[in-house]
């Protein structure tokens, strides 16, 4: 049995309401490190940063493979981080599942994770694992520009190929993107802008203040603006590719493009909560999520993450979209250490700018 909160109207899962996704549960689910005959009373509680329609098939597959009952509640990354931190003296969950690495490195500095190194960690690239085992990546998720095709035609525009293209007056009050107070997508966007400006904070914030003039709405969740862009209620925005591709797969006429200067990508991670009441069950989920067993289920479930495991191939359609992308590496340690300060500056100088 899996318990969740109702789907948020601002998340990609709302667009999938009514869609039934079935995990492909074959022999690959029989991961050798999972106890096949787990006691019926074994349970696991988690906060998921992945939207329900991404997390649910993964949790169902784990439950079937392990016999461990999973209960999860979905929050945006900022909300999940704040909640786990507030509960650190009496943890309510065992695992934080999914979400960008900056969220996990920030949580690491707050001391909310119990180090645990899963068996497959040694096979992962260095950027996908914390040396001390505070968190481990389960996928990778680049940012992308997404624009409405009809909007581009009406304004005689090409899909944006530079950060400066989003400053075009045609985009005035026509962009939607995530709010850094609640969304890890927004935090990755901000650190991408910082990175392409060589961490010159004044220059980066000057750009974001200009961009603010074209923003129609900052959404609570990272994928909250994808449906309005798909419907033409907004002209474009900056989203994780997992949400942008899902929008296109749902039949909306949108264009995906990347800035020539580069754009960031966030490793999607998992971590064991310090003081977890069900640590053994939590470790089994981490073992499974960081292995090919789970990551092989991403593509069949139309979940457009890049698998972290080198043993799982990226879905061909996703690989084709990324072929010419200039993906830059964000220093996740620096981002985690400076997350709160940078977000507060964004609130003061960009969000609340007059």
C-alpha atoms as a PDB file:
ATOM      1  CA  UNK A   1       0.000   0.000   0.000  1.00  0.00           C
ATOM      2  CA  UNK A   2       1.300   3.411  -0.930  1.00  0.00           C
ATOM      3  CA  UNK A   3      -0.094   6.552   0.649  1.00  0.00           C
ATOM      4  CA  UNK A   4       0.343   9.938  -0.972  1.00  0.00           C
ATOM      5  CA  UNK A   5      -1.054  13.429  -0.764  1.00  0.00           C
ATOM      6  CA  UNK A   6      -3.438  14.595  -3.523  1.00  0.00           C
ATOM      7  CA  UNK A   7      -1.703  15.709  -6.656  1.00  0.00           C
ATOM      8  CA  UNK A   8      -0.816  19.379  -6.796  1.00  0.00           C
ATOM      9  CA  UNK A   9      -2.514  21.317  -9.571  1.00  0.00           C
ATOM     10  CA  UNK A  10       0.768  23.070 -10.228  1.00  0.00           C
ATOM     11  CA  UNK A  11       2.825  19.899 -10.703  1.00  0.00           C
ATOM     12  CA  UNK A  12       3.339  17.786 -13.829  1.00  0.00           C
ATOM     13  CA  UNK A  13       1.318  15.057 -12.143  1.00  0.00           C
ATOM     14  CA  UNK A  14      -1.857  17.120 -12.574  1.00  0.00           C
ATOM     15  CA  UNK A  15      -1.419  16.917 -16.313  1.00  0.00           C
ATOM     16  CA  UNK A  16      -1.295  13.172 -15.982  1.00  0.00           C
ATOM     17  CA  UNK A  17      -4.487  12.897 -13.940  1.00  0.00           C
ATOM     18  CA  UNK A  18      -6.455   9.972 -15.193  1.00  0.00           C
ATOM     19  CA  UNK A  19      -3.488   8.378 -16.867  1.00  0.00           C
ATOM     20  CA  UNK A  20      -2.657   4.917 -15.584  1.00  0.00           C
ATOM     21  CA  UNK A  21       0.976   4.019 -15.675  1.00  0.00           C
ATOM     22  CA  UNK A  22       2.008   0.456 -15.128  1.00  0.00           C
ATOM     23  CA  UNK A  23       5.553  -0.391 -14.257  1.00  0.00           C
ATOM     24  CA  UNK A  24       7.151  -3.138 -16.304  1.00  0.00           C
ATOM     25  CA  UNK A  25       7.842  -5.682 -13.642  1.00  0.00           C
ATOM     26  CA  UNK A  26       9.995  -8.424 -15.057  1.00  0.00           C
ATOM     27  CA  UNK A  27      12.976 -10.315 -13.911  1.00  0.00           C
ATOM     28  CA  UNK A  28      14.956  -7.109 -13.512  1.00  0.00           C
ATOM     29  CA  UNK A  29      12.967  -6.387 -10.359  1.00  0.00           C
ATOM     30  CA  UNK A  30      14.502  -9.361  -8.618  1.00  0.00           C
ATOM     31  CA  UNK A  31      17.545  -7.461  -7.406  1.00  0.00           C
ATOM     32  CA  UNK A  32      19.706  -9.863  -5.395  1.00  0.00           C
ATOM     33  CA  UNK A  33      20.300  -7.423  -2.560  1.00  0.00           C
ATOM     34  CA  UNK A  34      16.599  -7.173  -1.702  1.00  0.00           C
ATOM     35  CA  UNK A  35      15.176  -9.687   0.747  1.00  0.00           C
ATOM     36  CA  UNK A  36      12.476 -11.437  -1.254  1.00  0.00           C
ATOM     37  CA  UNK A  37      10.513 -12.528   1.775  1.00  0.00           C
ATOM     38  CA  UNK A  38      10.430  -9.324   3.774  1.00  0.00           C
ATOM     39  CA  UNK A  39       8.128  -9.503   6.736  1.00  0.00           C
ATOM     40  CA  UNK A  40       4.657  -8.147   5.979  1.00  0.00           C
ATOM     41  CA  UNK A  41       5.030  -5.610   8.764  1.00  0.00           C
ATOM     42  CA  UNK A  42       8.099  -3.983   7.155  1.00  0.00           C
ATOM     43  CA  UNK A  43       7.269  -0.413   6.271  1.00  0.00           C
ATOM     44  CA  UNK A  44       9.024   2.603   4.883  1.00  0.00           C
ATOM     45  CA  UNK A  45       8.080   6.270   5.060  1.00  0.00           C
ATOM     46  CA  UNK A  46       9.447   8.813   2.617  1.00  0.00           C
ATOM     47  CA  UNK A  47       9.147  12.318   1.344  1.00  0.00           C
ATOM     48  CA  UNK A  48       9.321  12.382  -2.443  1.00  0.00           C
ATOM     49  CA  UNK A  49      10.440  15.452  -4.345  1.00  0.00           C
ATOM     50  CA  UNK A  50       9.567  13.701  -7.585  1.00  0.00           C
ATOM     51  CA  UNK A  51       5.941  14.344  -8.588  1.00  0.00           C
ATOM     52  CA  UNK A  52       3.570  11.524  -7.779  1.00  0.00           C
ATOM     53  CA  UNK A  53       3.314  10.269 -11.370  1.00  0.00           C
ATOM     54  CA  UNK A  54       7.116   9.788 -11.405  1.00  0.00           C
ATOM     55  CA  UNK A  55       7.487   8.429  -7.873  1.00  0.00           C
ATOM     56  CA  UNK A  56       4.451   6.154  -7.713  1.00  0.00           C
ATOM     57  CA  UNK A  57       5.515   3.537 -10.315  1.00  0.00           C
ATOM     58  CA  UNK A  58       8.964   3.386  -8.749  1.00  0.00           C
ATOM     59  CA  UNK A  59       7.559   2.855  -5.264  1.00  0.00           C
ATOM     60  CA  UNK A  60       5.078   0.263  -6.509  1.00  0.00           C
ATOM     61  CA  UNK A  61       7.870  -1.651  -8.226  1.00  0.00           C
ATOM     62  CA  UNK A  62      10.023  -1.553  -5.099  1.00  0.00           C
ATOM     63  CA  UNK A  63       7.138  -2.729  -2.969  1.00  0.00           C
ATOM     64  CA  UNK A  64       6.465  -5.666  -5.276  1.00  0.00           C
ATOM     65  CA  UNK A  65      10.143  -6.602  -5.411  1.00  0.00           C
ATOM     66  CA  UNK A  66      10.855  -6.291  -1.695  1.00  0.00           C
ATOM     67  CA  UNK A  67       7.581  -6.831   0.124  1.00  0.00           C
ATOM     68  CA  UNK A  68       8.193  -3.594   2.025  1.00  0.00           C
ATOM     69  CA  UNK A  69       5.155  -1.329   2.335  1.00  0.00           C
ATOM     70  CA  UNK A  70       5.877   2.228   1.228  1.00  0.00           C
ATOM     71  CA  UNK A  71       4.118   5.379   2.333  1.00  0.00           C
ATOM     72  CA  UNK A  72       5.202   8.629   0.740  1.00  0.00           C
ATOM     73  CA  UNK A  73       4.138  12.236   0.602  1.00  0.00           C
ATOM     74  CA  UNK A  74       5.187  14.558  -2.214  1.00  0.00           C
ATOM     75  CA  UNK A  75       6.644  18.017  -1.585  1.00  0.00           C
ATOM     76  CA  UNK A  76       8.610  20.466  -3.687  1.00  0.00           C
ATOM     77  CA  UNK A  77      12.284  20.403  -2.773  1.00  0.00           C
ATOM     78  CA  UNK A  78      12.296  23.548  -0.653  1.00  0.00           C
ATOM     79  CA  UNK A  79       9.290  22.338   1.310  1.00  0.00           C
ATOM     80  CA  UNK A  80      10.744  18.870   1.789  1.00  0.00           C
ATOM     81  CA  UNK A  81      14.074  20.252   2.979  1.00  0.00           C
ATOM     82  CA  UNK A  82      12.386  22.601   5.440  1.00  0.00           C
ATOM     83  CA  UNK A  83      10.154  19.831   6.730  1.00  0.00           C
ATOM     84  CA  UNK A  84      12.971  17.319   7.299  1.00  0.00           C
ATOM     85  CA  UNK A  85      15.047  19.989   9.013  1.00  0.00           C
ATOM     86  CA  UNK A  86      12.145  20.967  11.275  1.00  0.00           C
ATOM     87  CA  UNK A  87      11.613  17.303  12.191  1.00  0.00           C
ATOM     88  CA  UNK A  88      15.262  16.468  12.822  1.00  0.00           C
ATOM     89  CA  UNK A  89      14.668  15.828  16.523  1.00  0.00           C
ATOM     90  CA  UNK A  90      11.780  13.479  15.739  1.00  0.00           C
ATOM     91  CA  UNK A  91      12.057  12.252  12.146  1.00  0.00           C
ATOM     92  CA  UNK A  92       8.770  11.370  10.503  1.00  0.00           C
ATOM     93  CA  UNK A  93      10.261   9.689   7.435  1.00  0.00           C
ATOM     94  CA  UNK A  94      13.135   7.352   6.687  1.00  0.00           C
ATOM     95  CA  UNK A  95      14.190   8.507   3.223  1.00  0.00           C
ATOM     96  CA  UNK A  96      14.223  11.655   1.125  1.00  0.00           C
ATOM     97  CA  UNK A  97      13.594  10.471  -2.427  1.00  0.00           C
ATOM     98  CA  UNK A  98      14.408  12.395  -5.615  1.00  0.00           C
ATOM     99  CA  UNK A  99      15.114  16.069  -6.032  1.00  0.00           C
ATOM    100  CA  UNK A 100      18.125  18.078  -7.169  1.00  0.00           C
ATOM    101  CA  UNK A 101      21.513  17.602  -5.597  1.00  0.00           C
ATOM    102  CA  UNK A 102      21.662  21.194  -4.310  1.00  0.00           C
ATOM    103  CA  UNK A 103      18.790  20.311  -1.982  1.00  0.00           C
ATOM    104  CA  UNK A 104      20.738  17.347  -0.633  1.00  0.00           C
ATOM    105  CA  UNK A 105      24.021  19.193  -0.189  1.00  0.00           C
ATOM    106  CA  UNK A 106      22.126  21.909   1.672  1.00  0.00           C
ATOM    107  CA  UNK A 107      20.549  19.227   3.871  1.00  0.00           C
ATOM    108  CA  UNK A 108      23.967  17.709   4.397  1.00  0.00           C
ATOM    109  CA  UNK A 109      25.216  20.963   5.905  1.00  0.00           C
ATOM    110  CA  UNK A 110      22.189  20.933   8.211  1.00  0.00           C
ATOM    111  CA  UNK A 111      23.052  17.451   9.466  1.00  0.00           C
ATOM    112  CA  UNK A 112      19.773  15.787   8.517  1.00  0.00           C
ATOM    113  CA  UNK A 113      21.175  12.740   6.692  1.00  0.00           C
ATOM    114  CA  UNK A 114      22.678   9.504   7.964  1.00  0.00           C
ATOM    115  CA  UNK A 115      25.665   8.486   5.798  1.00  0.00           C
ATOM    116  CA  UNK A 116      25.040   5.299   3.859  1.00  0.00           C
ATOM    117  CA  UNK A 117      26.950   4.028   0.825  1.00  0.00           C
ATOM    118  CA  UNK A 118      24.860   1.643  -1.316  1.00  0.00           C
ATOM    119  CA  UNK A 119      26.537  -1.304  -3.065  1.00  0.00           C
ATOM    120  CA  UNK A 120      26.402   0.267  -6.536  1.00  0.00           C
ATOM    121  CA  UNK A 121      27.873   3.629  -5.542  1.00  0.00           C
ATOM    122  CA  UNK A 122      31.406   2.744  -6.642  1.00  0.00           C
ATOM    123  CA  UNK A 123      30.200   2.351 -10.232  1.00  0.00           C
ATOM    124  CA  UNK A 124      28.800   5.884 -10.387  1.00  0.00           C
ATOM    125  CA  UNK A 125      30.671   8.951 -11.684  1.00  0.00           C
ATOM    126  CA  UNK A 126      32.077  11.102  -8.869  1.00  0.00           C
ATOM    127  CA  UNK A 127      29.458  13.842  -9.269  1.00  0.00           C
ATOM    128  CA  UNK A 128      26.736  11.281  -8.574  1.00  0.00           C
ATOM    129  CA  UNK A 129      27.850  10.327  -5.082  1.00  0.00           C
ATOM    130  CA  UNK A 130      28.889  12.032  -1.899  1.00  0.00           C
ATOM    131  CA  UNK A 131      32.230  10.731  -0.689  1.00  0.00           C
ATOM    132  CA  UNK A 132      30.913  10.346   2.848  1.00  0.00           C
ATOM    133  CA  UNK A 133      27.698   8.698   1.682  1.00  0.00           C
ATOM    134  CA  UNK A 134      25.329  11.482   2.712  1.00  0.00           C
ATOM    135  CA  UNK A 135      23.473  11.126  -0.610  1.00  0.00           C
ATOM    136  CA  UNK A 136      23.677   9.152  -3.839  1.00  0.00           C
ATOM    137  CA  UNK A 137      22.308  10.036  -7.275  1.00  0.00           C
ATOM    138  CA  UNK A 138      19.601   7.993  -8.958  1.00  0.00           C
ATOM    139  CA  UNK A 139      19.304  10.075 -12.151  1.00  0.00           C
ATOM    140  CA  UNK A 140      20.406  13.254 -13.892  1.00  0.00           C
ATOM    141  CA  UNK A 141      18.135  16.062 -15.100  1.00  0.00           C
ATOM    142  CA  UNK A 142      19.362  18.969 -17.267  1.00  0.00           C
ATOM    143  CA  UNK A 143      17.491  22.245 -17.520  1.00  0.00           C
ATOM    144  CA  UNK A 144      16.072  23.270 -20.882  1.00  0.00           C
ATOM    145  CA  UNK A 145      14.274  26.234 -22.468  1.00  0.00           C
ATOM    146  CA  UNK A 146      10.725  25.321 -23.532  1.00  0.00           C
ATOM    147  CA  UNK A 147       8.676  27.629 -25.770  1.00  0.00           C
ATOM    148  CA  UNK A 148       5.245  27.457 -27.347  1.00  0.00           C
ATOM    149  CA  UNK A 149       5.545  26.940 -31.121  1.00  0.00           C
ATOM    150  CA  UNK A 150       2.586  29.179 -31.993  1.00  0.00           C
ATOM    151  CA  UNK A 151       3.968  31.961 -29.798  1.00  0.00           C
ATOM    152  CA  UNK A 152       7.277  31.788 -31.658  1.00  0.00           C
ATOM    153  CA  UNK A 153       5.525  31.957 -35.035  1.00  0.00           C
ATOM    154  CA  UNK A 154       3.325  34.867 -34.008  1.00  0.00           C
ATOM    155  CA  UNK A 155       6.349  36.839 -32.857  1.00  0.00           C
ATOM    156  CA  UNK A 156       8.647  35.761 -35.705  1.00  0.00           C
ATOM    157  CA  UNK A 157      11.084  34.209 -33.254  1.00  0.00           C
ATOM    158  CA  UNK A 158      13.360  31.188 -33.320  1.00  0.00           C
ATOM    159  CA  UNK A 159      13.597  28.977 -30.224  1.00  0.00           C
ATOM    160  CA  UNK A 160      15.865  30.808 -27.763  1.00  0.00           C
ATOM    161  CA  UNK A 161      19.514  29.805 -28.172  1.00  0.00           C
ATOM    162  CA  UNK A 162      21.029  32.207 -25.641  1.00  0.00           C
ATOM    163  CA  UNK A 163      20.176  33.409 -22.166  1.00  0.00           C
ATOM    164  CA  UNK A 164      19.921  36.893 -23.645  1.00  0.00           C
ATOM    165  CA  UNK A 165      17.208  35.735 -26.053  1.00  0.00           C
ATOM    166  CA  UNK A 166      14.817  35.489 -23.107  1.00  0.00           C
ATOM    167  CA  UNK A 167      15.226  39.243 -22.575  1.00  0.00           C
ATOM    168  CA  UNK A 168      13.551  39.957 -25.931  1.00  0.00           C
ATOM    169  CA  UNK A 169      10.590  42.368 -25.480  1.00  0.00           C
ATOM    170  CA  UNK A 170       8.354  39.784 -27.179  1.00  0.00           C
ATOM    171  CA  UNK A 171       8.576  37.738 -23.996  1.00  0.00           C
ATOM    172  CA  UNK A 172       7.263  40.603 -21.855  1.00  0.00           C
ATOM    173  CA  UNK A 173       4.957  39.053 -19.244  1.00  0.00           C
ATOM    174  CA  UNK A 174       5.041  35.754 -21.174  1.00  0.00           C
ATOM    175  CA  UNK A 175       7.510  33.575 -19.242  1.00  0.00           C
ATOM    176  CA  UNK A 176       6.726  31.172 -16.417  1.00  0.00           C
ATOM    177  CA  UNK A 177       9.333  29.489 -14.251  1.00  0.00           C
ATOM    178  CA  UNK A 178       9.700  28.151 -10.733  1.00  0.00           C
ATOM    179  CA  UNK A 179       9.892  30.064  -7.461  1.00  0.00           C
ATOM    180  CA  UNK A 180      13.167  29.529  -5.582  1.00  0.00           C
ATOM    181  CA  UNK A 181      11.387  29.666  -2.223  1.00  0.00           C
ATOM    182  CA  UNK A 182       9.857  26.257  -2.887  1.00  0.00           C
ATOM    183  CA  UNK A 183      11.423  24.709  -5.974  1.00  0.00           C
ATOM    184  CA  UNK A 184      14.752  23.018  -6.591  1.00  0.00           C
ATOM    185  CA  UNK A 185      14.259  23.624 -10.315  1.00  0.00           C
ATOM    186  CA  UNK A 186      14.478  27.339  -9.589  1.00  0.00           C
ATOM    187  CA  UNK A 187      17.590  26.913  -7.463  1.00  0.00           C
ATOM    188  CA  UNK A 188      19.321  24.997 -10.259  1.00  0.00           C
ATOM    189  CA  UNK A 189      18.271  27.731 -12.700  1.00  0.00           C
ATOM    190  CA  UNK A 190      19.779  30.422 -10.489  1.00  0.00           C
ATOM    191  CA  UNK A 191      23.032  28.521 -10.036  1.00  0.00           C
ATOM    192  CA  UNK A 192      23.174  27.930 -13.793  1.00  0.00           C
ATOM    193  CA  UNK A 193      23.011  31.676 -14.337  1.00  0.00           C
ATOM    194  CA  UNK A 194      25.685  32.186 -11.712  1.00  0.00           C
ATOM    195  CA  UNK A 195      27.883  29.555 -13.371  1.00  0.00           C
ATOM    196  CA  UNK A 196      27.649  31.015 -16.891  1.00  0.00           C
ATOM    197  CA  UNK A 197      28.594  34.349 -15.335  1.00  0.00           C
ATOM    198  CA  UNK A 198      31.651  32.804 -13.635  1.00  0.00           C
ATOM    199  CA  UNK A 199      30.003  33.200 -10.235  1.00  0.00           C
ATOM    200  CA  UNK A 200      30.018  36.969 -10.601  1.00  0.00           C
ATOM    201  CA  UNK A 201      26.987  37.410  -8.388  1.00  0.00           C
ATOM    202  CA  UNK A 202      26.356  41.060  -9.217  1.00  0.00           C
ATOM    203  CA  UNK A 203      26.409  40.343 -12.946  1.00  0.00           C
ATOM    204  CA  UNK A 204      24.184  37.285 -12.549  1.00  0.00           C
ATOM    205  CA  UNK A 205      21.654  39.138 -10.424  1.00  0.00           C
ATOM    206  CA  UNK A 206      21.630  42.063 -12.847  1.00  0.00           C
ATOM    207  CA  UNK A 207      20.599  39.592 -15.553  1.00  0.00           C
ATOM    208  CA  UNK A 208      17.900  38.037 -13.353  1.00  0.00           C
ATOM    209  CA  UNK A 209      16.467  41.481 -12.584  1.00  0.00           C
ATOM    210  CA  UNK A 210      16.130  42.126 -16.326  1.00  0.00           C
ATOM    211  CA  UNK A 211      14.599  38.692 -16.833  1.00  0.00           C
ATOM    212  CA  UNK A 212      12.090  39.412 -14.061  1.00  0.00           C
ATOM    213  CA  UNK A 213      10.432  41.997 -16.329  1.00  0.00           C
ATOM    214  CA  UNK A 214       9.415  39.211 -18.721  1.00  0.00           C
ATOM    215  CA  UNK A 215       8.179  36.768 -16.062  1.00  0.00           C
ATOM    216  CA  UNK A 216       4.431  36.372 -15.897  1.00  0.00           C
ATOM    217  CA  UNK A 217       4.459  34.023 -12.909  1.00  0.00           C
ATOM    218  CA  UNK A 218       6.874  32.184 -10.618  1.00  0.00           C
ATOM    219  CA  UNK A 219       5.261  28.815  -9.922  1.00  0.00           C
ATOM    220  CA  UNK A 220       5.404  26.820  -6.699  1.00  0.00           C
ATOM    221  CA  UNK A 221       6.661  23.638  -8.344  1.00  0.00           C
ATOM    222  CA  UNK A 222       9.330  23.186 -10.983  1.00  0.00           C
ATOM    223  CA  UNK A 223       6.958  21.849 -13.621  1.00  0.00           C
ATOM    224  CA  UNK A 224       4.086  24.156 -12.748  1.00  0.00           C
ATOM    225  CA  UNK A 225       4.584  26.391 -15.781  1.00  0.00           C
ATOM    226  CA  UNK A 226       4.802  23.617 -18.360  1.00  0.00           C
ATOM    227  CA  UNK A 227       1.063  23.263 -18.969  1.00  0.00           C
ATOM    228  CA  UNK A 228       0.497  27.033 -19.429  1.00  0.00           C
ATOM    229  CA  UNK A 229       3.347  27.066 -21.974  1.00  0.00           C
ATOM    230  CA  UNK A 230       1.847  24.047 -23.703  1.00  0.00           C
ATOM    231  CA  UNK A 231      -1.558  25.747 -23.863  1.00  0.00           C
ATOM    232  CA  UNK A 232      -0.093  29.044 -25.087  1.00  0.00           C
ATOM    233  CA  UNK A 233      -1.089  30.909 -21.925  1.00  0.00           C
ATOM    234  CA  UNK A 234       2.629  31.616 -21.546  1.00  0.00           C
ATOM    235  CA  UNK A 235       5.227  31.878 -24.272  1.00  0.00           C
ATOM    236  CA  UNK A 236       8.008  29.937 -22.622  1.00  0.00           C
ATOM    237  CA  UNK A 237      10.006  29.113 -19.558  1.00  0.00           C
ATOM    238  CA  UNK A 238      12.942  27.227 -18.061  1.00  0.00           C
ATOM    239  CA  UNK A 239      12.254  23.727 -16.788  1.00  0.00           C
ATOM    240  CA  UNK A 240      13.945  20.444 -16.087  1.00  0.00           C
ATOM    241  CA  UNK A 241      13.952  18.320 -19.213  1.00  0.00           C
ATOM    242  CA  UNK A 242      11.963  15.575 -17.482  1.00  0.00           C
ATOM    243  CA  UNK A 243       8.988  17.960 -17.241  1.00  0.00           C
ATOM    244  CA  UNK A 244       9.484  19.621 -20.626  1.00  0.00           C
ATOM    245  CA  UNK A 245       9.643  16.333 -22.523  1.00  0.00           C
ATOM    246  CA  UNK A 246       6.614  15.025 -20.653  1.00  0.00           C
ATOM    247  CA  UNK A 247       4.690  18.089 -21.846  1.00  0.00           C
ATOM    248  CA  UNK A 248       5.655  17.387 -25.442  1.00  0.00           C
ATOM    249  CA  UNK A 249       4.814  13.698 -25.054  1.00  0.00           C
ATOM    250  CA  UNK A 250       1.321  14.734 -23.958  1.00  0.00           C
ATOM    251  CA  UNK A 251       0.808  16.298 -27.396  1.00  0.00           C
ATOM    252  CA  UNK A 252       1.492  19.964 -26.718  1.00  0.00           C
ATOM    253  CA  UNK A 253       3.262  21.827 -29.538  1.00  0.00           C
ATOM    254  CA  UNK A 254       6.377  23.097 -27.795  1.00  0.00           C
ATOM    255  CA  UNK A 255      10.020  23.582 -28.752  1.00  0.00           C
ATOM    256  CA  UNK A 256      12.975  22.562 -26.610  1.00  0.00           C
ATOM    257  CA  UNK A 257      16.278  24.419 -26.910  1.00  0.00           C
ATOM    258  CA  UNK A 258      19.472  25.110 -25.007  1.00  0.00           C
ATOM    259  CA  UNK A 259      21.504  28.296 -24.477  1.00  0.00           C
ATOM    260  CA  UNK A 260      24.847  28.334 -26.236  1.00  0.00           C
ATOM    261  CA  UNK A 261      26.529  29.667 -23.087  1.00  0.00           C
ATOM    262  CA  UNK A 262      25.567  26.514 -21.242  1.00  0.00           C
ATOM    263  CA  UNK A 263      22.920  25.394 -18.767  1.00  0.00           C
ATOM    264  CA  UNK A 264      23.067  23.331 -15.613  1.00  0.00           C
ATOM    265  CA  UNK A 265      21.963  19.828 -14.796  1.00  0.00           C
ATOM    266  CA  UNK A 266      20.970  18.495 -11.397  1.00  0.00           C
ATOM    267  CA  UNK A 267      21.712  14.997 -10.196  1.00  0.00           C
ATOM    268  CA  UNK A 268      18.516  13.586  -8.686  1.00  0.00           C
ATOM    269  CA  UNK A 269      19.373  12.015  -5.353  1.00  0.00           C
ATOM    270  CA  UNK A 270      18.239   9.850  -2.476  1.00  0.00           C
ATOM    271  CA  UNK A 271      19.342   9.870   1.178  1.00  0.00           C
ATOM    272  CA  UNK A 272      18.709   8.173   4.493  1.00  0.00           C
ATOM    273  CA  UNK A 273      17.304  10.431   7.195  1.00  0.00           C
ATOM    274  CA  UNK A 274      19.326  10.643  10.415  1.00  0.00           C
ATOM    275  CA  UNK A 275      17.387   9.002  13.211  1.00  0.00           C
ATOM    276  CA  UNK A 276      15.127   7.114  10.770  1.00  0.00           C
ATOM    277  CA  UNK A 277      12.737   4.748  12.531  1.00  0.00           C
ATOM    278  CA  UNK A 278      13.020   2.150   9.769  1.00  0.00           C
ATOM    279  CA  UNK A 279      16.659   2.426   8.684  1.00  0.00           C
ATOM    280  CA  UNK A 280      17.003  -1.105   7.316  1.00  0.00           C
ATOM    281  CA  UNK A 281      14.007  -0.693   5.034  1.00  0.00           C
ATOM    282  CA  UNK A 282      15.304   2.745   4.028  1.00  0.00           C
ATOM    283  CA  UNK A 283      18.672   1.275   3.066  1.00  0.00           C
ATOM    284  CA  UNK A 284      16.963  -1.348   0.911  1.00  0.00           C
ATOM    285  CA  UNK A 285      15.129   1.377  -1.002  1.00  0.00           C
ATOM    286  CA  UNK A 286      18.399   3.247  -1.486  1.00  0.00           C
ATOM    287  CA  UNK A 287      20.127   0.076  -2.688  1.00  0.00           C
ATOM    288  CA  UNK A 288      17.356  -0.517  -5.200  1.00  0.00           C
ATOM    289  CA  UNK A 289      16.966   3.077  -6.393  1.00  0.00           C
ATOM    290  CA  UNK A 290      20.683   3.467  -7.085  1.00  0.00           C
ATOM    291  CA  UNK A 291      20.814   0.247  -9.094  1.00  0.00           C
ATOM    292  CA  UNK A 292      19.842  -0.630 -12.686  1.00  0.00           C
ATOM    293  CA  UNK A 293      16.748  -2.379 -11.278  1.00  0.00           C
ATOM    294  CA  UNK A 294      14.906   0.899 -10.718  1.00  0.00           C
ATOM    295  CA  UNK A 295      16.585   3.041 -13.324  1.00  0.00           C
ATOM    296  CA  UNK A 296      15.671   0.561 -16.070  1.00  0.00           C
ATOM    297  CA  UNK A 297      12.040   1.410 -15.292  1.00  0.00           C
ATOM    298  CA  UNK A 298      12.373   5.134 -16.041  1.00  0.00           C
ATOM    299  CA  UNK A 299      12.021   4.995 -19.837  1.00  0.00           C
ATOM    300  CA  UNK A 300       9.171   2.428 -19.891  1.00  0.00           C
ATOM    301  CA  UNK A 301       7.223   4.719 -17.573  1.00  0.00           C
ATOM    302  CA  UNK A 302       7.899   7.807 -19.752  1.00  0.00           C
ATOM    303  CA  UNK A 303      10.018   9.384 -17.024  1.00  0.00           C
ATOM    304  CA  UNK A 304      12.630  11.375 -18.916  1.00  0.00           C
ATOM    305  CA  UNK A 305      15.518  11.359 -16.473  1.00  0.00           C
ATOM    306  CA  UNK A 306      18.994  10.326 -17.562  1.00  0.00           C
ATOM    307  CA  UNK A 307      19.828   7.172 -15.562  1.00  0.00           C
ATOM    308  CA  UNK A 308      22.722   7.667 -13.160  1.00  0.00           C
ATOM    309  CA  UNK A 309      23.825   4.065 -13.505  1.00  0.00           C
ATOM    310  CA  UNK A 310      26.281   3.601 -16.385  1.00  0.00           C
ATOM    311  CA  UNK A 311      24.695   0.186 -16.948  1.00  0.00           C
ATOM    312  CA  UNK A 312      21.395   1.728 -18.074  1.00  0.00           C
ATOM    313  CA  UNK A 313      21.223   3.405 -21.477  1.00  0.00           C
ATOM    314  CA  UNK A 314      19.549   6.779 -21.906  1.00  0.00           C
ATOM    315  CA  UNK A 315      16.278   6.517 -23.818  1.00  0.00           C
ATOM    316  CA  UNK A 316      17.061   7.293 -27.512  1.00  0.00           C
ATOM    317  CA  UNK A 317      14.584  10.169 -27.822  1.00  0.00           C
ATOM    318  CA  UNK A 318      16.031  11.874 -24.760  1.00  0.00           C
ATOM    319  CA  UNK A 319      19.580  11.265 -25.972  1.00  0.00           C
ATOM    320  CA  UNK A 320      18.701  12.883 -29.319  1.00  0.00           C
ATOM    321  CA  UNK A 321      17.362  16.030 -27.633  1.00  0.00           C
ATOM    322  CA  UNK A 322      20.557  16.328 -25.589  1.00  0.00           C
ATOM    323  CA  UNK A 323      22.901  15.683 -28.498  1.00  0.00           C
ATOM    324  CA  UNK A 324      23.916  19.318 -29.058  1.00  0.00           C
ATOM    325  CA  UNK A 325      23.256  20.646 -25.562  1.00  0.00           C
ATOM    326  CA  UNK A 326      26.009  22.499 -23.711  1.00  0.00           C
ATOM    327  CA  UNK A 327      25.486  21.082 -20.232  1.00  0.00           C
ATOM    328  CA  UNK A 328      27.692  22.700 -17.609  1.00  0.00           C
ATOM    329  CA  UNK A 329      28.608  21.285 -14.234  1.00  0.00           C
ATOM    330  CA  UNK A 330      27.436  23.202 -11.192  1.00  0.00           C
ATOM    331  CA  UNK A 331      29.630  22.956  -8.107  1.00  0.00           C
ATOM    332  CA  UNK A 332      27.094  21.218  -5.879  1.00  0.00           C
ATOM    333  CA  UNK A 333      29.193  21.657  -2.727  1.00  0.00           C
ATOM    334  CA  UNK A 334      29.378  25.425  -3.216  1.00  0.00           C
ATOM    335  CA  UNK A 335      25.728  25.543  -4.245  1.00  0.00           C
ATOM    336  CA  UNK A 336      24.630  23.629  -1.153  1.00  0.00           C
ATOM    337  CA  UNK A 337      26.704  25.806   1.179  1.00  0.00           C
ATOM    338  CA  UNK A 338      25.385  29.022  -0.393  1.00  0.00           C
ATOM    339  CA  UNK A 339      21.842  27.934  -1.204  1.00  0.00           C
ATOM    340  CA  UNK A 340      20.053  29.774   1.595  1.00  0.00           C
ATOM    341  CA  UNK A 341      22.002  32.995   1.064  1.00  0.00           C
ATOM    342  CA  UNK A 342      21.515  33.012  -2.705  1.00  0.00           C
ATOM    343  CA  UNK A 343      17.799  32.261  -2.434  1.00  0.00           C
ATOM    344  CA  UNK A 344      17.337  35.064   0.076  1.00  0.00           C
ATOM    345  CA  UNK A 345      19.148  37.453  -2.256  1.00  0.00           C
ATOM    346  CA  UNK A 346      16.920  36.311  -5.137  1.00  0.00           C
ATOM    347  CA  UNK A 347      13.821  36.986  -3.043  1.00  0.00           C
ATOM    348  CA  UNK A 348      15.007  40.438  -2.050  1.00  0.00           C
ATOM    349  CA  UNK A 349      16.470  41.633  -5.328  1.00  0.00           C
ATOM    350  CA  UNK A 350      14.502  39.755  -7.991  1.00  0.00           C
ATOM    351  CA  UNK A 351      11.184  38.392  -6.738  1.00  0.00           C
ATOM    352  CA  UNK A 352      10.312  41.494  -4.747  1.00  0.00           C
ATOM    353  CA  UNK A 353      11.822  43.965  -7.210  1.00  0.00           C
ATOM    354  CA  UNK A 354       9.496  46.765  -8.203  1.00  0.00           C
END
